[in-house]
Protein backbone atom coordinates (compact mmCIF):
# COMPACT_ATOMS: atom_id res chain seq x y z
CA MET A 1 -160.73 51.49 -75.62
CA SER A 2 -157.26 52.70 -74.99
CA ARG A 3 -154.78 52.51 -77.89
CA ARG A 4 -151.43 52.86 -76.00
CA VAL A 5 -148.36 50.76 -76.79
CA ILE A 6 -145.02 50.48 -75.00
CA CYS A 7 -141.94 49.35 -76.83
CA VAL A 8 -139.35 48.01 -74.08
CA ASN A 9 -135.70 47.18 -74.36
CA PRO A 10 -135.63 45.40 -70.89
CA PRO A 11 -132.92 45.49 -68.58
CA GLY A 12 -129.82 43.40 -68.31
CA LEU A 13 -128.71 41.29 -65.27
CA PRO A 14 -127.00 43.77 -62.96
CA GLY A 15 -123.05 44.26 -63.75
CA THR A 16 -123.75 43.45 -67.35
CA THR A 17 -124.63 45.08 -70.57
CA ALA A 18 -127.26 43.55 -72.71
CA ASN A 19 -126.78 44.36 -76.32
CA ARG A 20 -130.03 42.76 -78.09
CA GLU A 21 -129.42 44.23 -81.59
CA GLY A 22 -125.65 42.56 -81.51
CA ALA A 23 -125.07 39.29 -83.59
CA GLY A 24 -127.96 40.28 -86.06
CA GLY A 25 -130.60 40.21 -83.38
CA MET A 26 -129.19 37.04 -81.58
CA GLY A 27 -127.60 39.45 -78.97
CA ASN A 28 -124.39 39.94 -76.93
CA VAL A 29 -123.88 40.19 -73.19
CA TYR A 30 -120.91 41.93 -71.86
CA SER A 31 -119.69 41.44 -68.56
CA GLN A 32 -119.63 45.16 -67.22
CA SER A 33 -122.14 47.81 -67.21
CA GLY A 34 -122.06 50.76 -69.76
CA ALA A 35 -120.32 48.65 -72.50
CA PHE A 36 -120.85 48.84 -76.02
CA LEU A 37 -124.70 49.34 -77.04
CA TYR A 38 -126.43 49.46 -80.62
CA PRO A 39 -129.46 51.71 -80.88
CA PRO A 40 -132.51 49.22 -80.55
CA HIS A 41 -133.16 49.68 -84.38
CA MET A 42 -135.86 46.95 -84.84
CA LEU A 43 -137.63 48.36 -81.70
CA ALA A 44 -137.63 51.93 -82.99
CA ALA A 45 -138.78 50.73 -86.32
CA THR A 46 -141.71 48.87 -84.77
CA ALA A 47 -142.47 51.88 -82.86
CA GLY A 48 -142.50 53.84 -85.98
CA ALA A 49 -144.85 51.55 -87.64
CA LEU A 50 -147.18 51.40 -84.78
CA ARG A 51 -147.28 55.08 -84.51
CA GLU A 52 -148.13 55.48 -88.35
CA GLY A 53 -151.19 52.89 -87.66
CA GLY A 54 -152.72 55.57 -85.19
CA LEU A 55 -151.61 54.25 -81.79
CA GLU A 56 -150.07 56.05 -79.18
CA VAL A 57 -146.62 54.90 -78.48
CA SER A 58 -144.20 55.34 -75.74
CA ALA A 59 -140.65 53.58 -75.50
CA ARG A 60 -137.82 52.88 -73.06
CA ASP A 61 -134.25 51.63 -73.29
CA CYS A 62 -133.83 50.20 -69.90
CA VAL A 63 -130.16 49.19 -70.75
CA LEU A 64 -129.19 52.56 -71.69
CA GLU A 65 -131.04 54.01 -68.54
CA GLY A 66 -129.61 51.60 -66.22
CA ASP A 67 -132.73 50.49 -64.85
CA SER A 68 -133.15 47.83 -62.70
CA LEU A 69 -136.06 45.23 -63.12
CA ALA A 70 -138.36 46.85 -60.42
CA GLN A 71 -137.66 50.35 -61.91
CA ALA A 72 -138.40 49.20 -65.42
CA VAL A 73 -141.91 47.43 -64.68
CA THR A 74 -142.53 50.54 -62.50
CA TRP A 75 -142.34 52.63 -65.53
CA ALA A 76 -144.22 50.20 -67.57
CA GLU A 77 -146.99 50.21 -65.12
CA ALA A 78 -147.26 54.26 -64.93
CA GLN A 79 -147.87 54.12 -68.79
CA GLN A 80 -151.12 52.06 -68.40
CA PRO A 81 -150.31 50.20 -71.72
CA THR A 82 -152.94 48.14 -73.76
CA TRP A 83 -149.86 46.22 -75.49
CA VAL A 84 -146.36 45.60 -74.18
CA VAL A 85 -143.79 45.08 -76.72
CA VAL A 86 -140.72 43.63 -75.42
CA GLN A 87 -137.58 42.91 -77.29
CA VAL A 88 -135.75 39.76 -76.53
CA SER A 89 -132.67 37.87 -77.81
CA TRP A 90 -131.21 34.50 -77.67
CA ALA A 91 -128.10 35.88 -75.49
CA THR A 92 -129.93 37.79 -73.09
CA TRP A 93 -132.77 34.98 -72.46
CA ASP A 94 -132.25 35.32 -68.42
CA PRO A 95 -133.14 39.00 -67.83
CA ASP A 96 -135.64 38.69 -70.81
CA GLU A 97 -137.51 35.95 -68.84
CA ALA A 98 -137.42 37.97 -65.74
CA PHE A 99 -138.86 40.94 -67.44
CA LEU A 100 -141.71 39.21 -69.13
CA ARG A 101 -142.88 37.28 -66.13
CA ALA A 102 -142.62 40.61 -64.07
CA ALA A 103 -144.43 42.69 -66.85
CA ARG A 104 -147.35 39.84 -66.92
CA ALA A 105 -147.71 39.97 -63.25
CA ALA A 106 -147.86 43.88 -62.86
CA LEU A 107 -150.11 44.42 -66.08
CA PRO A 108 -152.81 41.78 -66.00
CA ASP A 109 -154.88 43.77 -68.20
CA ALA A 110 -152.24 44.26 -70.91
CA SER A 111 -151.31 42.16 -74.00
CA VAL A 112 -147.49 41.40 -73.57
CA VAL A 113 -145.68 40.13 -76.86
CA ALA A 114 -141.94 39.38 -77.15
CA VAL A 115 -140.43 40.15 -80.49
CA GLY A 116 -136.94 39.83 -81.88
CA ALA A 117 -134.65 38.08 -84.78
CA SER A 118 -134.11 35.37 -82.15
CA VAL A 119 -137.87 34.50 -81.25
CA THR A 120 -138.22 31.13 -83.48
CA HIS A 121 -135.22 29.96 -81.77
CA MET A 122 -136.56 30.54 -78.07
CA GLU A 123 -140.20 29.23 -78.34
CA SER A 124 -139.62 26.57 -75.94
CA ALA A 125 -138.33 28.81 -73.43
CA LEU A 126 -141.04 31.42 -74.28
CA SER A 127 -143.76 28.76 -73.89
CA GLN A 128 -142.99 28.26 -70.02
CA ILE A 129 -144.36 31.91 -69.18
CA PRO A 130 -148.21 31.83 -68.83
CA GLY A 131 -150.17 34.59 -70.60
CA ILE A 132 -147.69 36.14 -73.09
CA ALA A 133 -147.40 35.94 -76.92
CA TRP A 134 -144.46 36.10 -79.36
CA LEU A 135 -144.30 37.13 -82.81
CA ARG A 136 -142.29 34.84 -85.16
CA GLY A 137 -139.92 36.91 -87.57
CA GLU A 138 -139.67 40.71 -88.28
CA PRO A 139 -142.08 42.87 -86.33
CA GLU A 140 -141.36 46.07 -88.14
CA ARG A 141 -144.79 45.62 -90.33
CA LEU A 142 -145.91 42.45 -89.04
CA LEU A 143 -146.97 43.63 -85.37
CA GLY A 144 -149.38 46.14 -86.69
CA VAL A 145 -151.33 43.42 -88.55
CA PHE A 146 -151.73 41.54 -85.32
CA VAL A 147 -152.96 44.71 -83.55
CA ALA A 148 -155.52 45.43 -86.01
CA ASN A 149 -156.84 41.70 -86.13
CA LEU A 150 -156.73 40.51 -82.46
CA GLY A 151 -157.52 44.03 -80.82
CA ALA A 152 -157.02 44.56 -77.00
CA ASP A 153 -158.44 40.81 -76.12
CA THR A 154 -155.48 39.73 -73.71
CA ALA A 155 -156.91 36.05 -74.55
CA ARG A 156 -155.94 36.25 -77.93
CA TRP A 157 -152.34 37.35 -77.33
CA ALA A 158 -151.15 33.85 -76.25
CA GLY A 159 -148.50 31.78 -77.82
CA PRO A 160 -146.95 32.16 -81.03
CA LEU A 161 -148.60 34.49 -83.43
CA SER A 162 -148.59 33.16 -86.91
CA LEU A 163 -150.05 34.65 -90.20
CA SER A 164 -151.61 31.38 -90.60
CA MET A 165 -154.36 32.38 -87.98
CA LEU A 166 -155.01 35.71 -89.74
CA SER A 167 -155.97 36.77 -93.30
CA GLY A 168 -152.76 38.35 -94.38
CA PRO A 169 -152.62 38.41 -98.12
CA GLY A 170 -149.12 38.92 -99.54
CA LEU A 171 -147.35 38.01 -96.45
CA PRO A 172 -145.52 34.95 -95.99
CA ASP A 173 -146.28 32.58 -93.27
CA ALA A 174 -142.85 32.22 -92.27
CA GLN A 175 -143.03 36.18 -91.48
CA ARG A 176 -139.97 37.06 -92.70
CA LEU A 177 -140.04 40.17 -94.91
CA GLU A 178 -139.49 39.19 -98.39
CA ARG A 179 -139.38 42.58 -99.55
CA LEU A 180 -137.92 45.28 -97.53
CA GLU A 181 -140.12 48.09 -98.78
CA GLY A 182 -142.24 50.70 -97.41
CA LEU A 183 -140.58 50.51 -93.92
CA PRO A 184 -141.15 53.35 -91.71
CA HIS A 185 -138.38 55.55 -90.27
CA PRO A 186 -137.58 54.47 -86.93
CA ALA A 187 -139.10 56.40 -84.19
CA TRP A 188 -135.80 57.59 -82.64
CA ASP A 189 -137.58 60.58 -81.02
CA LEU A 190 -139.04 58.22 -78.63
CA PHE A 191 -135.35 57.11 -77.32
CA PRO A 192 -132.61 59.33 -75.83
CA TRP A 193 -130.94 59.01 -79.28
CA ARG A 194 -127.97 61.63 -78.54
CA ARG A 195 -126.81 59.29 -75.99
CA TYR A 196 -126.10 56.38 -78.14
CA GLY A 197 -123.12 58.43 -80.09
CA MET A 198 -124.81 57.00 -83.28
CA LEU A 199 -127.81 55.82 -85.12
CA THR A 200 -128.35 52.79 -87.42
CA VAL A 201 -129.72 52.29 -90.82
CA VAL A 202 -130.66 48.71 -92.14
CA GLY A 203 -130.04 48.61 -96.16
CA SER A 204 -130.17 44.70 -96.13
CA LYS A 205 -130.98 41.46 -94.31
CA GLY A 206 -129.74 38.16 -94.82
CA CYS A 207 -126.72 36.78 -96.55
CA GLY A 208 -126.20 34.25 -99.55
CA TYR A 209 -122.86 32.99 -98.30
CA ALA A 210 -122.52 29.73 -96.70
CA CYS A 211 -120.71 30.18 -93.53
CA THR A 212 -121.66 27.77 -90.84
CA TYR A 213 -120.95 29.76 -87.57
CA CYS A 214 -122.72 33.23 -88.46
CA PRO A 215 -125.55 34.40 -86.10
CA TYR A 216 -126.83 36.65 -89.05
CA ILE A 217 -127.70 33.59 -90.85
CA VAL A 218 -129.51 31.96 -87.76
CA ALA A 219 -131.46 35.29 -87.27
CA GLN A 220 -132.15 36.71 -90.98
CA GLY A 221 -131.74 33.89 -93.29
CA ARG A 222 -129.58 32.70 -96.04
CA LYS A 223 -131.43 34.80 -98.49
CA PHE A 224 -130.16 38.38 -99.52
CA ARG A 225 -132.88 40.76 -99.06
CA PRO A 226 -131.98 44.22 -100.20
CA ARG A 227 -134.02 47.23 -99.29
CA PRO A 228 -134.75 49.80 -102.32
CA ILE A 229 -131.99 52.29 -102.84
CA GLY A 230 -134.17 55.22 -102.98
CA GLU A 231 -135.75 54.48 -99.49
CA THR A 232 -132.45 53.76 -97.98
CA VAL A 233 -130.99 57.20 -99.11
CA ASP A 234 -134.51 58.83 -98.04
CA GLU A 235 -133.69 57.56 -94.72
CA LEU A 236 -130.28 58.85 -94.56
CA ALA A 237 -131.40 62.19 -95.81
CA TRP A 238 -133.97 62.42 -92.89
CA LEU A 239 -131.39 61.33 -90.58
CA ALA A 240 -128.88 64.20 -91.72
CA ALA A 241 -131.69 66.70 -91.78
CA GLU A 242 -133.40 66.00 -88.71
CA PHE A 243 -130.73 64.57 -86.15
CA LYS A 244 -127.72 66.50 -87.43
CA LEU A 245 -125.69 63.24 -87.14
CA THR A 246 -122.05 62.75 -87.37
CA ARG A 247 -122.06 58.98 -87.29
CA VAL A 248 -124.34 56.49 -88.94
CA VAL A 249 -123.82 52.71 -88.86
CA PHE A 250 -125.19 50.37 -91.33
CA ARG A 251 -126.35 47.04 -89.86
CA ASP A 252 -126.34 45.29 -92.99
CA PRO A 253 -124.89 41.72 -92.36
CA VAL A 254 -122.56 42.01 -95.52
CA PHE A 255 -122.81 45.52 -96.89
CA GLY A 256 -120.62 44.53 -100.12
CA TYR A 257 -122.63 41.32 -100.99
CA ASP A 258 -124.17 43.15 -104.07
CA ARG A 259 -121.42 45.07 -105.60
CA GLY A 260 -123.50 46.83 -108.24
CA ARG A 261 -126.02 47.67 -105.64
CA VAL A 262 -123.52 49.38 -103.34
CA LEU A 263 -122.05 51.62 -106.38
CA SER A 264 -125.83 52.52 -107.28
CA LEU A 265 -126.40 53.43 -103.64
CA CYS A 266 -123.10 55.52 -103.28
CA LYS A 267 -123.95 57.25 -106.56
CA GLU A 268 -127.42 58.18 -105.26
CA ILE A 269 -126.00 59.39 -102.00
CA LYS A 270 -123.83 61.77 -103.99
CA ARG A 271 -126.58 62.62 -106.36
CA ARG A 272 -128.83 63.67 -103.47
CA GLY A 273 -126.31 65.77 -101.83
CA VAL A 274 -126.44 63.51 -98.54
CA ARG A 275 -123.50 64.53 -96.25
CA LEU A 276 -123.48 62.04 -93.43
CA SER A 277 -120.29 59.96 -92.03
CA TRP A 278 -121.27 56.47 -91.93
CA GLU A 279 -119.86 53.00 -91.58
CA CYS A 280 -120.40 49.61 -92.60
CA GLU A 281 -119.45 45.70 -92.31
CA SER A 282 -118.55 43.37 -94.77
CA ARG A 283 -116.46 40.22 -95.52
CA ALA A 284 -112.89 40.80 -96.17
CA ASP A 285 -112.88 39.58 -99.52
CA ASP A 286 -116.12 41.90 -100.90
CA LEU A 287 -114.39 44.99 -101.47
CA ASP A 288 -112.11 46.58 -104.12
CA GLY A 289 -110.27 49.84 -105.01
CA GLU A 290 -113.42 51.07 -107.20
CA LEU A 291 -115.91 50.15 -104.66
CA VAL A 292 -114.05 51.71 -101.53
CA ALA A 293 -113.38 54.80 -103.66
CA ALA A 294 -117.17 55.21 -104.25
CA MET A 295 -118.02 54.57 -100.80
CA ALA A 296 -115.58 57.25 -99.48
CA LYS A 297 -116.75 59.77 -101.90
CA ALA A 298 -120.15 58.97 -100.59
CA GLY A 299 -119.29 59.66 -96.75
CA CYS A 300 -117.91 56.07 -95.65
CA ALA A 301 -115.46 56.80 -92.92
CA THR A 302 -114.98 53.49 -91.34
CA VAL A 303 -115.15 49.63 -92.94
CA LYS A 304 -115.25 46.71 -90.68
CA LEU A 305 -113.69 43.91 -92.31
CA GLY A 306 -115.03 40.49 -91.33
CA LEU A 307 -111.51 38.23 -91.58
CA GLU A 308 -112.44 35.62 -88.95
CA SER A 309 -109.30 33.71 -89.94
CA ALA A 310 -106.49 33.53 -92.25
CA ASP A 311 -106.14 29.57 -91.77
CA ALA A 312 -107.10 27.92 -95.31
CA ASP A 313 -107.95 24.77 -93.10
CA VAL A 314 -110.46 26.80 -90.75
CA LEU A 315 -111.74 28.93 -93.80
CA VAL A 316 -112.56 25.72 -95.50
CA ALA A 317 -114.11 23.92 -92.54
CA VAL A 318 -116.66 26.73 -91.87
CA ARG A 319 -117.16 27.18 -95.35
CA ARG A 320 -116.19 30.59 -95.51
CA VAL A 321 -114.21 29.49 -98.85
CA ARG A 322 -114.60 26.40 -100.97
CA ASP A 323 -110.81 25.06 -101.02
CA ALA A 324 -107.42 26.02 -100.19
CA ALA A 325 -106.92 27.88 -103.50
CA GLY A 326 -110.18 30.15 -102.49
CA ALA A 327 -108.53 30.81 -99.11
CA GLU A 328 -105.48 32.17 -101.01
CA VAL A 329 -107.77 34.37 -102.99
CA TYR A 330 -109.57 35.44 -99.74
CA ARG A 331 -106.53 36.53 -98.01
CA SER A 332 -105.08 38.38 -101.08
CA ARG A 333 -108.47 40.28 -101.49
CA ALA A 334 -108.45 41.24 -97.68
CA LEU A 335 -104.91 42.94 -98.15
CA ALA A 336 -106.32 44.61 -101.10
CA ALA A 337 -109.33 45.86 -99.58
CA ALA A 338 -107.37 47.21 -96.64
CA ALA A 339 -104.91 48.91 -99.03
CA ALA A 340 -107.76 50.57 -100.66
CA CYS A 341 -109.09 51.79 -97.14
CA LYS A 342 -105.82 53.32 -96.54
CA GLN A 343 -105.48 54.78 -99.91
CA HIS A 344 -109.09 56.32 -99.80
CA GLY A 345 -108.83 57.47 -96.24
CA VAL A 346 -111.40 55.27 -94.86
CA ALA A 347 -110.64 53.67 -91.38
CA CYS A 348 -110.12 49.73 -91.70
CA ARG A 349 -111.09 47.71 -88.56
CA VAL A 350 -110.55 44.04 -88.80
CA PHE A 351 -112.87 41.29 -86.81
CA ALA A 352 -111.41 38.06 -86.28
CA MET A 353 -112.70 34.87 -84.39
CA THR A 354 -111.26 32.09 -82.19
CA GLY A 355 -113.04 28.94 -81.23
CA LEU A 356 -113.70 27.81 -84.95
CA PRO A 357 -113.53 24.20 -86.03
CA GLY A 358 -110.04 23.02 -86.94
CA GLU A 359 -108.34 25.94 -84.95
CA THR A 360 -104.75 25.54 -83.74
CA ASP A 361 -101.92 27.40 -82.63
CA ARG A 362 -100.78 27.58 -86.24
CA SER A 363 -104.12 29.27 -87.12
CA VAL A 364 -103.70 32.07 -84.73
CA ALA A 365 -100.15 32.41 -85.85
CA GLU A 366 -101.15 32.87 -89.61
CA THR A 367 -104.20 35.17 -88.62
CA ALA A 368 -101.70 37.34 -86.51
CA SER A 369 -99.38 37.59 -89.37
CA LEU A 370 -102.03 38.44 -92.13
CA ILE A 371 -103.35 41.19 -89.65
CA ARG A 372 -100.06 42.56 -88.92
CA GLU A 373 -99.54 42.86 -92.62
CA ILE A 374 -103.02 44.50 -93.18
CA GLN A 375 -102.15 46.96 -90.20
CA PRO A 376 -105.94 47.90 -89.38
CA ALA A 377 -106.89 51.09 -87.71
CA GLY A 378 -108.56 48.60 -85.02
CA LEU A 379 -108.85 45.05 -84.15
CA GLN A 380 -111.68 42.95 -82.27
CA VAL A 381 -111.29 39.37 -81.47
CA LYS A 382 -114.05 37.41 -80.17
CA ARG A 383 -114.77 33.79 -79.34
CA VAL A 384 -117.63 32.29 -81.59
CA ASP A 385 -120.75 31.33 -80.02
CA TRP A 386 -122.73 28.33 -80.93
CA PRO A 387 -126.45 28.76 -80.11
CA THR A 388 -127.04 25.30 -81.86
CA GLY A 389 -124.98 23.30 -79.01
CA ARG A 390 -122.35 22.41 -81.33
CA GLN A 391 -119.34 23.63 -79.39
CA ALA A 392 -120.38 21.24 -76.45
CA ASP A 393 -120.89 18.40 -78.84
CA ALA A 394 -117.44 18.61 -80.54
CA ASN A 395 -115.41 20.39 -78.09
CA ILE A 396 -115.05 23.29 -80.34
CA GLY A 397 -113.64 26.59 -78.50
CA GLU A 398 -111.17 24.71 -75.87
CA GLY A 399 -108.66 27.29 -75.39
CA ALA A 400 -110.41 29.81 -77.51
CA GLU A 401 -110.18 32.75 -75.01
CA GLU A 402 -106.35 32.29 -74.71
CA ARG A 403 -105.82 32.35 -78.23
CA ALA A 404 -108.00 35.36 -78.85
CA LYS A 405 -105.75 36.97 -76.09
CA ARG A 406 -102.61 36.06 -78.16
CA LEU A 407 -104.15 37.47 -81.42
CA ARG A 408 -105.12 40.99 -79.47
CA ASP A 409 -101.26 40.89 -78.01
CA ALA A 410 -99.96 40.24 -81.70
CA TRP A 411 -101.56 43.61 -83.19
CA GLN A 412 -100.09 47.00 -82.64
CA PRO A 413 -102.08 50.02 -83.70
CA ALA A 414 -100.57 51.93 -86.51
CA GLN A 415 -98.74 55.28 -85.55
CA SER A 416 -101.89 57.87 -85.37
CA PRO A 417 -101.82 60.52 -88.35
CA ALA A 418 -102.00 64.11 -87.49
CA LYS A 419 -105.37 64.70 -85.94
CA THR A 420 -108.17 65.89 -88.29
CA SER A 421 -111.88 65.94 -87.39
CA LEU A 422 -113.91 63.04 -88.70
CA LEU A 423 -116.33 65.46 -89.93
CA ALA A 424 -113.71 67.68 -91.70
CA ARG A 425 -112.53 64.52 -93.50
CA VAL A 426 -115.77 63.37 -94.69
CA LYS A 427 -116.81 66.84 -95.98
CA GLY A 428 -113.47 67.02 -98.00
CA ARG A 429 -114.33 63.70 -99.69
CA LEU A 430 -117.80 64.65 -100.50
CA SER A 431 -116.71 67.81 -101.94
CA ARG A 432 -114.51 66.12 -104.42
């Protein structure tokens, strides 16, 4: 029996970029080809696990390759697979559905399974495609369990794959990995990794904060699930040795959530002598001077600060903070975090949002004022998406695009410092 698996990041719609790793796995769609694209970390990690399980694995990032639907299906047919693993996301459902249907028709003897953090929010739509399966939750370890138990019988690869149908001791039926231990290195060699301009690392999943709008919570849950520090640094060391990278991005939803853990991680990176330039994302109030200093010495070159808004009413409405006093602390900590980044040579990029509940013109003015005070190295503003339909019910988001433009227009990049290569700056910090 053939034991060949193909892992596919399917094409987006023509003239767009389907970024399925964005928004914690809920996905983003950009209205032009060749826009920003995260490497398909989940798919690469799944491929690595399947290969460790003795399967022959091939992979294709059809978005990066610019494939049409027909080209993607032709590639899949040529592989003669036993299993077809397709990454899907909530934001990219239209092209996902097209590929799933086309793959099912072109490969009648193969088992087709959809995977991704969005799957549990897409089951109604997935159930409309005859003859496919979908795995609830995180496939990095769990997909191999189903391959071992279901084999190559396509009749068994249909509908939702739930651990309640198998004997999976120690694995939660919700299929969210409670312990991020023993995860394989992603099989980046199966992808054209040089063309991404970066590779990614997952040091934790989930977030214990109460924000109501965050897609990371929808995709990964409200429980903070850290990966063992030793395993995280092992992967960083492997990336440095095998790929000679100059840029690694942590995909943790909130990197600074556990302050003590971050300090220990940075200490271990230094102790192991791992030389990498990396960046992370966190809440604007998670970082302080000591933490940023430790991160800089461990190779952190960029911090993306999730500010979202400076308006106390908005921050309270979305449960970013508890009350107006908490909002004042939040703003002051954001300023302190940005100042610490400047002090220690870490580029600070600010993320803001529009379309949040209670947002007014005053909200935009307050946020613009704080951003000007922070003077970030970069600014990204986006309109919040509400996958639950809340926006339509409450008219949230009306005028959000215009307010986003006003925020962007209000920010001016700081004067560029004398040019020094990123790698040289990181090496200088690491040698301290």
